[in-house]
C-alpha atoms as a PDB file:
ATOM      1  CA  MET A   1     -30.020  -0.588  -0.819  1.00  0.00           C
ATOM      2  CA  ASP A   2     -33.330  -0.666   1.166  1.00  0.00           C
ATOM      3  CA  ILE A   3     -33.882   3.210   2.537  1.00  0.00           C
ATOM      4  CA  GLY A   4     -37.539   3.227   3.008  1.00  0.00           C
ATOM      5  CA  ILE A   5     -38.149   4.701   0.092  1.00  0.00           C
ATOM      6  CA  ASP A   6     -39.779   3.647  -3.392  1.00  0.00           C
ATOM      7  CA  LEU A   7     -37.583   5.307  -5.749  1.00  0.00           C
ATOM      8  CA  GLY A   8     -38.477   2.760  -8.588  1.00  0.00           C
ATOM      9  CA  ARG A   9     -36.850   0.753 -11.207  1.00  0.00           C
ATOM     10  CA  LEU A  10     -34.001   3.971 -11.386  1.00  0.00           C
ATOM     11  CA  ALA A  11     -33.771   2.962 -15.064  1.00  0.00           C
ATOM     12  CA  VAL A  12     -32.392   5.488 -17.639  1.00  0.00           C
ATOM     13  CA  GLU A  13     -33.652   5.104 -20.986  1.00  0.00           C
ATOM     14  CA  THR A  14     -32.191   6.550 -24.308  1.00  0.00           C
ATOM     15  CA  THR A  15     -33.421   6.893 -27.741  1.00  0.00           C
ATOM     16  CA  GLU A  16     -30.198   7.666 -29.516  1.00  0.00           C
ATOM     17  CA  ASN A  17     -26.826   7.400 -28.942  1.00  0.00           C
ATOM     18  CA  LEU A  18     -24.340  10.084 -29.518  1.00  0.00           C
ATOM     19  CA  ASN A  19     -20.708   9.286 -31.287  1.00  0.00           C
ATOM     20  CA  ASP A  20     -17.518  10.670 -30.414  1.00  0.00           C
ATOM     21  CA  GLU A  21     -17.498  13.456 -33.344  1.00  0.00           C
ATOM     22  CA  GLU A  22     -21.362  14.258 -32.275  1.00  0.00           C
ATOM     23  CA  TRP A  23     -20.411  14.757 -28.708  1.00  0.00           C
ATOM     24  CA  LEU A  24     -17.582  17.316 -29.513  1.00  0.00           C
ATOM     25  CA  ASN A  25     -19.830  19.089 -31.250  1.00  0.00           C
ATOM     26  CA  LYS A  26     -22.503  19.237 -28.862  1.00  0.00           C
ATOM     27  CA  TRP A  27     -20.310  20.572 -25.817  1.00  0.00           C
ATOM     28  CA  ARG A  28     -19.303  23.241 -28.056  1.00  0.00           C
ATOM     29  CA  ASP A  29     -21.993  24.981 -27.883  1.00  0.00           C
ATOM     30  CA  PHE A  30     -21.469  25.693 -24.052  1.00  0.00           C
ATOM     31  CA  TYR A  31     -17.905  26.724 -24.472  1.00  0.00           C
ATOM     32  CA  LYS A  32     -17.881  30.599 -25.165  1.00  0.00           C
ATOM     33  CA  PRO A  33     -14.781  33.097 -24.588  1.00  0.00           C
ATOM     34  CA  PHE A  34     -13.573  33.786 -21.290  1.00  0.00           C
ATOM     35  CA  THR A  35     -11.116  36.515 -19.481  1.00  0.00           C
ATOM     36  CA  VAL A  36      -8.460  35.331 -17.564  1.00  0.00           C
ATOM     37  CA  GLY A  37      -6.280  38.014 -14.922  1.00  0.00           C
ATOM     38  CA  GLU A  38      -5.430  40.892 -16.398  1.00  0.00           C
ATOM     39  CA  ARG A  39      -4.157  40.393 -19.709  1.00  0.00           C
ATOM     40  CA  LEU A  40      -5.539  37.163 -21.405  1.00  0.00           C
ATOM     41  CA  LEU A  41      -8.698  35.965 -23.212  1.00  0.00           C
ATOM     42  CA  ILE A  42      -9.363  32.565 -24.468  1.00  0.00           C
ATOM     43  CA  LYS A  43     -11.389  31.743 -27.053  1.00  0.00           C
ATOM     44  CA  PRO A  44     -12.470  28.511 -28.831  1.00  0.00           C
ATOM     45  CA  VAL A  45     -11.316  28.534 -32.598  1.00  0.00           C
ATOM     46  CA  TRP A  46     -14.841  28.354 -33.530  1.00  0.00           C
ATOM     47  CA  GLU A  47     -16.332  31.840 -32.091  1.00  0.00           C
ATOM     48  CA  ASP A  48     -15.339  35.013 -32.640  1.00  0.00           C
ATOM     49  CA  VAL A  49     -15.441  38.057 -30.161  1.00  0.00           C
ATOM     50  CA  GLU A  50     -14.472  41.580 -29.877  1.00  0.00           C
ATOM     51  CA  ASN A  51     -11.394  42.234 -27.855  1.00  0.00           C
ATOM     52  CA  PRO A  52     -11.557  45.883 -26.842  1.00  0.00           C
ATOM     53  CA  GLU A  53      -8.829  45.811 -24.451  1.00  0.00           C
ATOM     54  CA  GLU A  54      -6.401  44.428 -26.851  1.00  0.00           C
ATOM     55  CA  ARG A  55      -5.929  41.402 -24.225  1.00  0.00           C
ATOM     56  CA  VAL A  56      -3.395  38.565 -25.354  1.00  0.00           C
ATOM     57  CA  VAL A  57      -5.836  36.173 -27.225  1.00  0.00           C
ATOM     58  CA  PHE A  58      -5.256  32.237 -26.955  1.00  0.00           C
ATOM     59  CA  ASN A  59      -6.821  30.423 -29.428  1.00  0.00           C
ATOM     60  CA  ILE A  60      -7.771  26.949 -27.916  1.00  0.00           C
ATOM     61  CA  ASN A  61      -9.375  23.639 -30.076  1.00  0.00           C
ATOM     62  CA  PRO A  62      -9.205  21.066 -26.828  1.00  0.00           C
ATOM     63  CA  GLY A  63      -9.705  18.331 -29.403  1.00  0.00           C
ATOM     64  CA  HIS A  64      -9.908  14.574 -26.950  1.00  0.00           C
ATOM     65  CA  VAL A  65      -6.834  15.776 -24.684  1.00  0.00           C
ATOM     66  CA  PHE A  66      -7.452  17.456 -20.981  1.00  0.00           C
ATOM     67  CA  GLY A  67      -7.072  21.259 -21.691  1.00  0.00           C
ATOM     68  CA  THR A  68      -9.532  23.765 -21.970  1.00  0.00           C
ATOM     69  CA  GLY A  69      -8.338  26.292 -20.039  1.00  0.00           C
ATOM     70  CA  LEU A  70     -11.991  26.397 -17.829  1.00  0.00           C
ATOM     71  CA  HIS A  71     -10.361  24.763 -14.984  1.00  0.00           C
ATOM     72  CA  GLN A  72      -9.381  26.341 -12.132  1.00  0.00           C
ATOM     73  CA  THR A  73      -6.156  24.759 -11.702  1.00  0.00           C
ATOM     74  CA  THR A  74      -5.576  25.772 -15.403  1.00  0.00           C
ATOM     75  CA  GLN A  75      -6.676  29.467 -14.434  1.00  0.00           C
ATOM     76  CA  LEU A  76      -4.100  29.658 -11.556  1.00  0.00           C
ATOM     77  CA  CYS A  77      -1.830  28.831 -13.520  1.00  0.00           C
ATOM     78  CA  MET A  78      -2.334  31.314 -15.926  1.00  0.00           C
ATOM     79  CA  LEU A  79      -2.502  33.958 -13.283  1.00  0.00           C
ATOM     80  CA  GLN A  80       1.076  33.001 -12.287  1.00  0.00           C
ATOM     81  CA  LEU A  81       2.698  33.032 -15.889  1.00  0.00           C
ATOM     82  CA  GLU A  82       0.955  36.364 -16.204  1.00  0.00           C
ATOM     83  CA  LYS A  83       2.871  37.559 -13.087  1.00  0.00           C
ATOM     84  CA  TYR A  84       6.155  35.957 -14.441  1.00  0.00           C
ATOM     85  CA  VAL A  85       6.692  35.150 -17.710  1.00  0.00           C
ATOM     86  CA  ASN A  86       8.823  37.507 -19.466  1.00  0.00           C
ATOM     87  CA  GLU A  87      10.659  38.115 -22.716  1.00  0.00           C
ATOM     88  CA  ASN A  88      13.901  35.817 -21.748  1.00  0.00           C
ATOM     89  CA  SER A  89      11.511  33.291 -19.915  1.00  0.00           C
ATOM     90  CA  VAL A  90      12.184  29.820 -21.148  1.00  0.00           C
ATOM     91  CA  VAL A  91       9.185  27.604 -20.149  1.00  0.00           C
ATOM     92  CA  ALA A  92       8.622  23.913 -19.341  1.00  0.00           C
ATOM     93  CA  ASP A  93       5.099  22.662 -19.137  1.00  0.00           C
ATOM     94  CA  LEU A  94       5.424  19.063 -17.836  1.00  0.00           C
ATOM     95  CA  GLY A  95       1.901  17.236 -18.375  1.00  0.00           C
ATOM     96  CA  CYS A  96       0.660  19.821 -20.948  1.00  0.00           C
ATOM     97  CA  GLY A  97      -2.439  18.288 -22.087  1.00  0.00           C
ATOM     98  CA  SER A  98      -3.758  20.738 -24.913  1.00  0.00           C
ATOM     99  CA  GLY A  99      -0.715  22.951 -24.153  1.00  0.00           C
ATOM    100  CA  ILE A 100      -2.451  25.477 -23.342  1.00  0.00           C
ATOM    101  CA  LEU A 101      -0.032  26.522 -20.524  1.00  0.00           C
ATOM    102  CA  SER A 102       3.083  26.483 -22.954  1.00  0.00           C
ATOM    103  CA  ILE A 103       1.336  27.832 -25.187  1.00  0.00           C
ATOM    104  CA  VAL A 104       0.234  31.051 -23.390  1.00  0.00           C
ATOM    105  CA  SER A 105       3.546  31.376 -22.305  1.00  0.00           C
ATOM    106  CA  LEU A 106       4.855  31.801 -25.673  1.00  0.00           C
ATOM    107  CA  LEU A 107       2.292  34.369 -26.338  1.00  0.00           C
ATOM    108  CA  LEU A 108       2.897  36.214 -23.352  1.00  0.00           C
ATOM    109  CA  GLY A 109       6.288  36.407 -24.548  1.00  0.00           C
ATOM    110  CA  ALA A 110       8.390  33.509 -23.652  1.00  0.00           C
ATOM    111  CA  LYS A 111      11.578  33.230 -25.477  1.00  0.00           C
ATOM    112  CA  SER A 112      10.573  28.951 -25.921  1.00  0.00           C
ATOM    113  CA  ALA A 113       8.730  26.347 -24.479  1.00  0.00           C
ATOM    114  CA  PHE A 114       9.328  22.616 -23.915  1.00  0.00           C
ATOM    115  CA  ALA A 115       5.693  20.827 -23.288  1.00  0.00           C
ATOM    116  CA  VAL A 116       5.238  17.315 -22.142  1.00  0.00           C
ATOM    117  CA  ASP A 117       2.784  14.608 -21.581  1.00  0.00           C
ATOM    118  CA  ILE A 118       2.033  10.959 -20.469  1.00  0.00           C
ATOM    119  CA  ASP A 119      -0.594  11.132 -23.293  1.00  0.00           C
ATOM    120  CA  ALA A 120       0.841  10.379 -26.693  1.00  0.00           C
ATOM    121  CA  ASN A 121      -1.854  12.396 -27.965  1.00  0.00           C
ATOM    122  CA  ALA A 122      -1.225  15.441 -26.908  1.00  0.00           C
ATOM    123  CA  ILE A 123       1.336  15.833 -29.229  1.00  0.00           C
ATOM    124  CA  LYS A 124      -0.641  16.495 -32.503  1.00  0.00           C
ATOM    125  CA  THR A 125      -3.272  18.932 -30.428  1.00  0.00           C
ATOM    126  CA  ALA A 126      -0.843  20.883 -28.518  1.00  0.00           C
ATOM    127  CA  TYR A 127       1.066  21.589 -31.985  1.00  0.00           C
ATOM    128  CA  GLU A 128      -2.079  22.447 -33.788  1.00  0.00           C
ATOM    129  CA  ASN A 129      -3.126  24.829 -30.459  1.00  0.00           C
ATOM    130  CA  ALA A 130      -0.106  26.379 -31.431  1.00  0.00           C
ATOM    131  CA  ASP A 131      -0.540  26.716 -35.182  1.00  0.00           C
ATOM    132  CA  PHE A 132      -3.871  27.866 -34.196  1.00  0.00           C
ATOM    133  CA  ASN A 133      -2.260  31.037 -32.340  1.00  0.00           C
ATOM    134  CA  GLY A 134       0.775  31.479 -35.095  1.00  0.00           C
ATOM    135  CA  VAL A 135       2.928  29.895 -32.589  1.00  0.00           C
ATOM    136  CA  ASP A 136       6.631  29.872 -34.007  1.00  0.00           C
ATOM    137  CA  ARG A 137       7.463  26.120 -34.197  1.00  0.00           C
ATOM    138  CA  SER A 138      11.324  26.770 -33.787  1.00  0.00           C
ATOM    139  CA  LYS A 139      10.199  28.123 -30.117  1.00  0.00           C
ATOM    140  CA  TYR A 140       7.951  25.185 -29.410  1.00  0.00           C
ATOM    141  CA  TYR A 141       8.524  21.769 -28.915  1.00  0.00           C
ATOM    142  CA  VAL A 142       6.348  18.918 -27.848  1.00  0.00           C
ATOM    143  CA  THR A 143       6.828  15.227 -26.658  1.00  0.00           C
ATOM    144  CA  SER A 144       5.576  12.402 -24.884  1.00  0.00           C
ATOM    145  CA  GLY A 145       6.570  10.070 -22.144  1.00  0.00           C
ATOM    146  CA  ASN A 146       6.616   9.964 -18.100  1.00  0.00           C
ATOM    147  CA  VAL A 147       9.065  12.358 -16.504  1.00  0.00           C
ATOM    148  CA  ILE A 148       9.114  10.346 -13.208  1.00  0.00           C
ATOM    149  CA  ASP A 149      10.861   7.604 -14.471  1.00  0.00           C
ATOM    150  CA  ASN A 150      12.328   7.693 -17.527  1.00  0.00           C
ATOM    151  CA  LYS A 151      16.008   9.239 -17.568  1.00  0.00           C
ATOM    152  CA  ALA A 152      16.233   9.631 -21.621  1.00  0.00           C
ATOM    153  CA  LEU A 153      13.588  11.872 -21.615  1.00  0.00           C
ATOM    154  CA  GLN A 154      14.734  13.795 -18.530  1.00  0.00           C
ATOM    155  CA  ASP A 155      18.012  14.407 -19.941  1.00  0.00           C
ATOM    156  CA  GLU A 156      16.176  15.412 -23.174  1.00  0.00           C
ATOM    157  CA  ILE A 157      14.451  18.164 -21.401  1.00  0.00           C
ATOM    158  CA  GLY A 158      17.624  19.614 -19.505  1.00  0.00           C
ATOM    159  CA  TYR A 159      19.223  20.790 -16.144  1.00  0.00           C
ATOM    160  CA  GLU A 160      19.340  24.147 -15.014  1.00  0.00           C
ATOM    161  CA  LYS A 161      17.910  25.375 -18.219  1.00  0.00           C
ATOM    162  CA  TYR A 162      14.124  26.947 -17.496  1.00  0.00           C
ATOM    163  CA  ASP A 163      13.046  30.369 -16.143  1.00  0.00           C
ATOM    164  CA  ILE A 164       9.887  28.596 -15.526  1.00  0.00           C
ATOM    165  CA  VAL A 165       8.638  25.217 -14.724  1.00  0.00           C
ATOM    166  CA  VAL A 166       4.979  24.740 -14.626  1.00  0.00           C
ATOM    167  CA  ALA A 167       2.816  21.876 -13.583  1.00  0.00           C
ATOM    168  CA  ASN A 168      -0.726  21.651 -14.019  1.00  0.00           C
ATOM    169  CA  ILE A 169      -1.353  17.488 -12.652  1.00  0.00           C
ATOM    170  CA  ILE A 170      -1.939  15.985  -9.537  1.00  0.00           C
ATOM    171  CA  ALA A 171      -0.492  16.779  -5.923  1.00  0.00           C
ATOM    172  CA  ASP A 172       1.087  13.009  -5.883  1.00  0.00           C
ATOM    173  CA  VAL A 173       2.869  13.831  -9.240  1.00  0.00           C
ATOM    174  CA  ILE A 174       3.828  17.332  -8.038  1.00  0.00           C
ATOM    175  CA  CYS A 175       5.789  15.783  -4.842  1.00  0.00           C
ATOM    176  CA  ALA A 176       7.716  13.223  -6.942  1.00  0.00           C
ATOM    177  CA  ILE A 177       8.728  15.652  -9.565  1.00  0.00           C
ATOM    178  CA  SER A 178       9.912  18.309  -7.359  1.00  0.00           C
ATOM    179  CA  PRO A 179      13.667  16.960  -7.033  1.00  0.00           C
ATOM    180  CA  LEU A 180      13.222  16.792 -10.628  1.00  0.00           C
ATOM    181  CA  VAL A 181      12.047  20.119 -11.444  1.00  0.00           C
ATOM    182  CA  ARG A 182      14.625  21.841  -8.496  1.00  0.00           C
ATOM    183  CA  LYS A 183      17.224  20.104 -11.304  1.00  0.00           C
ATOM    184  CA  GLN A 184      15.709  21.746 -13.988  1.00  0.00           C
ATOM    185  CA  LEU A 185      15.265  25.247 -13.118  1.00  0.00           C
ATOM    186  CA  LYS A 186      17.939  27.795 -13.276  1.00  0.00           C
ATOM    187  CA  PRO A 187      19.403  29.452  -9.793  1.00  0.00           C
ATOM    188  CA  ASP A 188      16.624  32.030 -10.069  1.00  0.00           C
ATOM    189  CA  GLY A 189      14.079  30.310 -11.538  1.00  0.00           C
ATOM    190  CA  ILE A 190      10.385  29.645 -10.949  1.00  0.00           C
ATOM    191  CA  PHE A 191       7.998  26.570 -10.178  1.00  0.00           C
ATOM    192  CA  ILE A 192       4.433  26.897 -10.762  1.00  0.00           C
ATOM    193  CA  SER A 193       2.451  23.532  -9.858  1.00  0.00           C
ATOM    194  CA  SER A 194      -1.402  23.205  -9.585  1.00  0.00           C
ATOM    195  CA  GLY A 195      -3.818  20.445  -9.893  1.00  0.00           C
ATOM    196  CA  ILE A 196      -3.783  20.458  -5.641  1.00  0.00           C
ATOM    197  CA  ILE A 197      -6.596  20.270  -3.176  1.00  0.00           C
ATOM    198  CA  ARG A 198      -6.948  22.395  -0.426  1.00  0.00           C
ATOM    199  CA  GLU A 199      -6.126  19.016   1.989  1.00  0.00           C
ATOM    200  CA  ARG A 200      -3.168  18.410  -0.030  1.00  0.00           C
ATOM    201  CA  VAL A 201      -1.636  21.495   0.565  1.00  0.00           C
ATOM    202  CA  GLN A 202       1.063  20.444   3.098  1.00  0.00           C
ATOM    203  CA  ASP A 203       2.398  17.274   1.592  1.00  0.00           C
ATOM    204  CA  VAL A 204       3.167  19.470  -1.338  1.00  0.00           C
ATOM    205  CA  TYR A 205       4.625  22.000   1.167  1.00  0.00           C
ATOM    206  CA  ASP A 206       6.616  19.010   2.523  1.00  0.00           C
ATOM    207  CA  ALA A 207       7.883  17.565  -0.705  1.00  0.00           C
ATOM    208  CA  MET A 208       8.961  20.675  -1.983  1.00  0.00           C
ATOM    209  CA  GLU A 209      11.125  21.640   1.105  1.00  0.00           C
ATOM    210  CA  ALA A 210      12.717  18.062   1.283  1.00  0.00           C
ATOM    211  CA  ALA A 211      13.640  18.734  -2.629  1.00  0.00           C
ATOM    212  CA  GLY A 212      15.401  22.416  -1.987  1.00  0.00           C
ATOM    213  CA  LEU A 213      12.766  24.444  -3.203  1.00  0.00           C
ATOM    214  CA  GLU A 214      11.135  27.111  -1.286  1.00  0.00           C
ATOM    215  CA  VAL A 215       7.520  28.429  -1.495  1.00  0.00           C
ATOM    216  CA  VAL A 216       6.768  31.709  -2.499  1.00  0.00           C
ATOM    217  CA  ASP A 217       2.907  32.161  -3.447  1.00  0.00           C
ATOM    218  CA  THR A 218      -0.135  29.850  -2.554  1.00  0.00           C
ATOM    219  CA  ASN A 219      -3.112  30.922  -4.206  1.00  0.00           C
ATOM    220  CA  TYR A 220      -6.505  29.469  -3.896  1.00  0.00           C
ATOM    221  CA  LYS A 221      -9.544  29.147  -6.207  1.00  0.00           C
ATOM    222  CA  ASP A 222     -12.672  27.022  -4.727  1.00  0.00           C
ATOM    223  CA  GLU A 223     -11.402  23.634  -3.506  1.00  0.00           C
ATOM    224  CA  TRP A 224      -7.951  23.926  -5.798  1.00  0.00           C
ATOM    225  CA  VAL A 225      -4.756  25.713  -4.935  1.00  0.00           C
ATOM    226  CA  SER A 226      -1.892  26.760  -6.900  1.00  0.00           C
ATOM    227  CA  ILE A 227       2.022  26.818  -5.278  1.00  0.00           C
ATOM    228  CA  THR A 228       4.963  28.687  -7.013  1.00  0.00           C
ATOM    229  CA  ALA A 229       8.279  27.963  -5.154  1.00  0.00           C
ATOM    230  CA  ARG A 230      11.720  28.817  -5.924  1.00  0.00           C
ATOM    231  CA  ILE A 231      15.342  27.520  -5.456  1.00  0.00           C
ATOM    232  CA  LYS A 232      16.258  28.038  -2.037  1.00  0.00           C
END
């Protein structure tokens, strides 16, 4: 591009490359424990931390799949889970990544959780994170597949079964799965969604309205939004 400024070669030279294992170890240096809301403490498994407030501690090793708890959308979902989860909650986590939201639900006292992600690597990572937190495997099930068009998977997840469905994905997918989530929820169930940018809020509102869902809460963190809805 001729912009009238001499920028030189704009070349970047490196003397060595980091392999995947070295990279994973490197970024760990910058991932420290942090709190969310009034009850949660997120802690990487390689860190020790004091917990004078006796918060619910979630130990995590993200592995190679999405989900560290640092992103605004994940924290928005955790705040809503903190608000709605109780000892009777049956939870579904659609697009579970490392399993953080479904496992946090169980640590907050949920009765059971079903987690699914389109990436099959999520199964191993989510179960490992569950084990790091002492989660009873009889209360937790993780699988993979596309919930939008896989009818067998939709049937496996089940219908009118969940007190809470949480989906931290993107607006387009949330819009697409809203009719399915409407079928998965119990009559008084809650749908917690995030991964939405501010410009797409109305699109999600419209999709939920068309699916028979009523928005009850909208929360913002920077440019990201969480929308919580229930059956009308």
